[in-house]
């Protein structure tokens, strides 16, 4: 079963990372996806801010879910490169990760992922990534 079909059938339980991190699915459509993740005390670093890798992970998962509805059933993706710029920290609340496809080619896909706090338009981090399209 294709990943996006598992997500649609089983929700967040299709991805063990979603369950571990408490990630909830939002809108998943062609080229756009949103996810929500509550900040828990065990996610904070020694300075009492959300550990930066979690911003990147949430954005990455949102980008992947934005891409999968655009793929053929026999296609998969693999990350070629990914970069995150951190603009502000977070200590509490619910993060919203939004992924969008910037350009889809036959072999390469470019995507962006923003992370904000729920109820705010202020971008906390922005990730950009390049994905290779492969055959299963």
C-alpha atoms as a PDB file:
ATOM      1  CA  UNK A   1       0.000   0.000   0.000  1.00  0.00           C
ATOM      2  CA  UNK A   2       1.299   3.445  -1.000  1.00  0.00           C
ATOM      3  CA  UNK A   3       2.304   5.729   1.907  1.00  0.00           C
ATOM      4  CA  UNK A   4      -0.422   8.320   1.247  1.00  0.00           C
ATOM      5  CA  UNK A   5      -3.037   5.535   1.142  1.00  0.00           C
ATOM      6  CA  UNK A   6      -1.809   4.277   4.546  1.00  0.00           C
ATOM      7  CA  UNK A   7      -2.014   7.828   5.931  1.00  0.00           C
ATOM      8  CA  UNK A   8      -5.563   8.231   4.612  1.00  0.00           C
ATOM      9  CA  UNK A   9      -6.598   4.812   5.964  1.00  0.00           C
ATOM     10  CA  UNK A  10      -4.838   4.765   9.346  1.00  0.00           C
ATOM     11  CA  UNK A  11      -4.187   8.451  10.038  1.00  0.00           C
ATOM     12  CA  UNK A  12      -1.156   9.258  12.143  1.00  0.00           C
ATOM     13  CA  UNK A  13      -0.801   5.581  13.147  1.00  0.00           C
ATOM     14  CA  UNK A  14       0.604   4.920   9.657  1.00  0.00           C
ATOM     15  CA  UNK A  15       3.757   6.762  10.741  1.00  0.00           C
ATOM     16  CA  UNK A  16       5.325   5.729  14.088  1.00  0.00           C
ATOM     17  CA  UNK A  17       7.104   9.097  14.337  1.00  0.00           C
ATOM     18  CA  UNK A  18       3.732  10.891  14.278  1.00  0.00           C
ATOM     19  CA  UNK A  19       2.520   8.745  17.167  1.00  0.00           C
ATOM     20  CA  UNK A  20       5.722   9.267  19.162  1.00  0.00           C
ATOM     21  CA  UNK A  21       5.653  13.055  18.723  1.00  0.00           C
ATOM     22  CA  UNK A  22       1.876  13.515  19.072  1.00  0.00           C
ATOM     23  CA  UNK A  23       1.593  14.856  15.518  1.00  0.00           C
ATOM     24  CA  UNK A  24      -1.941  15.324  14.208  1.00  0.00           C
ATOM     25  CA  UNK A  25      -2.802  15.371  10.526  1.00  0.00           C
ATOM     26  CA  UNK A  26      -4.313  18.480   8.993  1.00  0.00           C
ATOM     27  CA  UNK A  27      -5.158  19.137   5.361  1.00  0.00           C
ATOM     28  CA  UNK A  28      -3.398  16.945   2.802  1.00  0.00           C
ATOM     29  CA  UNK A  29      -3.997  17.923  -0.809  1.00  0.00           C
ATOM     30  CA  UNK A  30      -2.107  18.050  -4.085  1.00  0.00           C
ATOM     31  CA  UNK A  31       1.009  20.026  -3.336  1.00  0.00           C
ATOM     32  CA  UNK A  32       0.115  21.217   0.181  1.00  0.00           C
ATOM     33  CA  UNK A  33      -0.121  19.660   3.649  1.00  0.00           C
ATOM     34  CA  UNK A  34      -0.376  20.758   7.276  1.00  0.00           C
ATOM     35  CA  UNK A  35       0.506  19.004  10.511  1.00  0.00           C
ATOM     36  CA  UNK A  36       0.105  20.006  14.166  1.00  0.00           C
ATOM     37  CA  UNK A  37       2.443  19.055  16.999  1.00  0.00           C
ATOM     38  CA  UNK A  38       2.103  20.057  20.665  1.00  0.00           C
ATOM     39  CA  UNK A  39       5.293  21.163  22.371  1.00  0.00           C
ATOM     40  CA  UNK A  40       5.958  18.944  25.394  1.00  0.00           C
ATOM     41  CA  UNK A  41       8.489  19.575  28.183  1.00  0.00           C
ATOM     42  CA  UNK A  42      10.526  16.538  27.070  1.00  0.00           C
ATOM     43  CA  UNK A  43      11.075  18.206  23.667  1.00  0.00           C
ATOM     44  CA  UNK A  44      12.917  21.196  25.144  1.00  0.00           C
ATOM     45  CA  UNK A  45      16.672  21.634  25.131  1.00  0.00           C
ATOM     46  CA  UNK A  46      18.863  22.776  28.040  1.00  0.00           C
ATOM     47  CA  UNK A  47      17.840  26.408  27.441  1.00  0.00           C
ATOM     48  CA  UNK A  48      14.117  25.521  27.731  1.00  0.00           C
ATOM     49  CA  UNK A  49      13.409  26.023  24.021  1.00  0.00           C
ATOM     50  CA  UNK A  50      12.148  23.440  21.541  1.00  0.00           C
ATOM     51  CA  UNK A  51      15.090  21.436  20.218  1.00  0.00           C
ATOM     52  CA  UNK A  52      15.810  22.702  16.687  1.00  0.00           C
ATOM     53  CA  UNK A  53      15.735  19.327  14.993  1.00  0.00           C
ATOM     54  CA  UNK A  54      12.030  19.042  15.779  1.00  0.00           C
ATOM     55  CA  UNK A  55      11.292  22.149  13.694  1.00  0.00           C
ATOM     56  CA  UNK A  56      13.096  20.489  10.793  1.00  0.00           C
ATOM     57  CA  UNK A  57      11.400  17.132  11.341  1.00  0.00           C
ATOM     58  CA  UNK A  58       7.908  18.659  11.384  1.00  0.00           C
ATOM     59  CA  UNK A  59       8.588  20.695   8.235  1.00  0.00           C
ATOM     60  CA  UNK A  60      10.091  17.645   6.515  1.00  0.00           C
ATOM     61  CA  UNK A  61       7.050  15.493   7.261  1.00  0.00           C
ATOM     62  CA  UNK A  62       4.715  18.254   6.002  1.00  0.00           C
ATOM     63  CA  UNK A  63       6.695  18.574   2.760  1.00  0.00           C
ATOM     64  CA  UNK A  64       6.597  14.817   2.195  1.00  0.00           C
ATOM     65  CA  UNK A  65       2.825  14.724   2.699  1.00  0.00           C
ATOM     66  CA  UNK A  66       2.455  17.611   0.251  1.00  0.00           C
ATOM     67  CA  UNK A  67       4.419  15.643  -2.352  1.00  0.00           C
ATOM     68  CA  UNK A  68       2.890  12.164  -2.069  1.00  0.00           C
ATOM     69  CA  UNK A  69      -0.542  12.989  -3.568  1.00  0.00           C
ATOM     70  CA  UNK A  70       1.296  14.142  -6.716  1.00  0.00           C
ATOM     71  CA  UNK A  71       3.147  10.855  -7.204  1.00  0.00           C
ATOM     72  CA  UNK A  72       2.111   7.882  -9.298  1.00  0.00           C
ATOM     73  CA  UNK A  73       1.400   4.691  -7.314  1.00  0.00           C
ATOM     74  CA  UNK A  74       4.757   3.192  -8.286  1.00  0.00           C
ATOM     75  CA  UNK A  75       6.763   6.317  -7.371  1.00  0.00           C
ATOM     76  CA  UNK A  76       8.543   7.075  -4.111  1.00  0.00           C
ATOM     77  CA  UNK A  77      10.799   9.937  -3.018  1.00  0.00           C
ATOM     78  CA  UNK A  78      14.213  10.216  -1.418  1.00  0.00           C
ATOM     79  CA  UNK A  79      15.660  13.399   0.056  1.00  0.00           C
ATOM     80  CA  UNK A  80      18.605  14.837  -1.861  1.00  0.00           C
ATOM     81  CA  UNK A  81      19.181  17.890   0.351  1.00  0.00           C
ATOM     82  CA  UNK A  82      17.418  19.841   3.063  1.00  0.00           C
ATOM     83  CA  UNK A  83      18.197  23.094   4.838  1.00  0.00           C
ATOM     84  CA  UNK A  84      16.441  24.851   7.715  1.00  0.00           C
ATOM     85  CA  UNK A  85      16.636  28.488   8.768  1.00  0.00           C
ATOM     86  CA  UNK A  86      15.583  29.138  12.369  1.00  0.00           C
ATOM     87  CA  UNK A  87      13.962  32.536  12.887  1.00  0.00           C
ATOM     88  CA  UNK A  88      12.541  32.257  16.394  1.00  0.00           C
ATOM     89  CA  UNK A  89      12.301  29.728  19.190  1.00  0.00           C
ATOM     90  CA  UNK A  90       9.282  28.246  20.914  1.00  0.00           C
ATOM     91  CA  UNK A  91       8.721  26.986  24.455  1.00  0.00           C
ATOM     92  CA  UNK A  92       5.041  26.018  24.565  1.00  0.00           C
ATOM     93  CA  UNK A  93       1.963  25.792  22.413  1.00  0.00           C
ATOM     94  CA  UNK A  94       1.095  23.860  19.288  1.00  0.00           C
ATOM     95  CA  UNK A  95       3.333  24.010  16.245  1.00  0.00           C
ATOM     96  CA  UNK A  96       1.847  24.014  12.767  1.00  0.00           C
ATOM     97  CA  UNK A  97       3.990  22.640   9.968  1.00  0.00           C
ATOM     98  CA  UNK A  98       2.963  23.570   6.441  1.00  0.00           C
ATOM     99  CA  UNK A  99       4.555  21.920   3.443  1.00  0.00           C
ATOM    100  CA  UNK A 100       4.152  22.991  -0.160  1.00  0.00           C
ATOM    101  CA  UNK A 101       5.546  21.849  -3.461  1.00  0.00           C
ATOM    102  CA  UNK A 102       7.401  24.627  -5.251  1.00  0.00           C
ATOM    103  CA  UNK A 103       8.192  22.699  -8.445  1.00  0.00           C
ATOM    104  CA  UNK A 104       7.652  19.116  -9.502  1.00  0.00           C
ATOM    105  CA  UNK A 105       9.653  17.661 -12.318  1.00  0.00           C
ATOM    106  CA  UNK A 106       9.739  14.072 -13.537  1.00  0.00           C
ATOM    107  CA  UNK A 107      12.836  13.231 -11.466  1.00  0.00           C
ATOM    108  CA  UNK A 108      13.232  16.076  -8.942  1.00  0.00           C
ATOM    109  CA  UNK A 109      10.801  17.909  -6.642  1.00  0.00           C
ATOM    110  CA  UNK A 110      11.466  21.161  -4.768  1.00  0.00           C
ATOM    111  CA  UNK A 111       9.482  21.910  -1.621  1.00  0.00           C
ATOM    112  CA  UNK A 112       9.288  24.367   1.289  1.00  0.00           C
ATOM    113  CA  UNK A 113       8.125  23.808   4.830  1.00  0.00           C
ATOM    114  CA  UNK A 114       7.230  26.534   7.332  1.00  0.00           C
ATOM    115  CA  UNK A 115       6.655  26.085  11.051  1.00  0.00           C
ATOM    116  CA  UNK A 116       4.512  28.555  13.008  1.00  0.00           C
ATOM    117  CA  UNK A 117       2.752  28.553  16.351  1.00  0.00           C
ATOM    118  CA  UNK A 118      -0.961  27.870  16.136  1.00  0.00           C
ATOM    119  CA  UNK A 119      -2.842  31.177  16.070  1.00  0.00           C
ATOM    120  CA  UNK A 120       0.158  33.123  14.772  1.00  0.00           C
ATOM    121  CA  UNK A 121       1.400  33.935  11.276  1.00  0.00           C
ATOM    122  CA  UNK A 122       4.971  34.456  12.507  1.00  0.00           C
ATOM    123  CA  UNK A 123       7.287  31.931  10.872  1.00  0.00           C
ATOM    124  CA  UNK A 124       9.544  30.201  13.396  1.00  0.00           C
ATOM    125  CA  UNK A 125      11.501  28.189  10.838  1.00  0.00           C
ATOM    126  CA  UNK A 126      11.608  27.636   7.105  1.00  0.00           C
ATOM    127  CA  UNK A 127      12.974  24.516   5.479  1.00  0.00           C
ATOM    128  CA  UNK A 128      13.718  23.981   1.829  1.00  0.00           C
ATOM    129  CA  UNK A 129      14.321  20.557   0.370  1.00  0.00           C
ATOM    130  CA  UNK A 130      15.001  18.748  -2.866  1.00  0.00           C
ATOM    131  CA  UNK A 131      13.621  15.250  -3.389  1.00  0.00           C
ATOM    132  CA  UNK A 132      14.474  12.633  -6.006  1.00  0.00           C
ATOM    133  CA  UNK A 133      11.584  10.699  -7.542  1.00  0.00           C
ATOM    134  CA  UNK A 134      12.290   6.957  -7.690  1.00  0.00           C
ATOM    135  CA  UNK A 135      10.377   3.871  -8.800  1.00  0.00           C
ATOM    136  CA  UNK A 136       9.288   1.390  -6.117  1.00  0.00           C
END
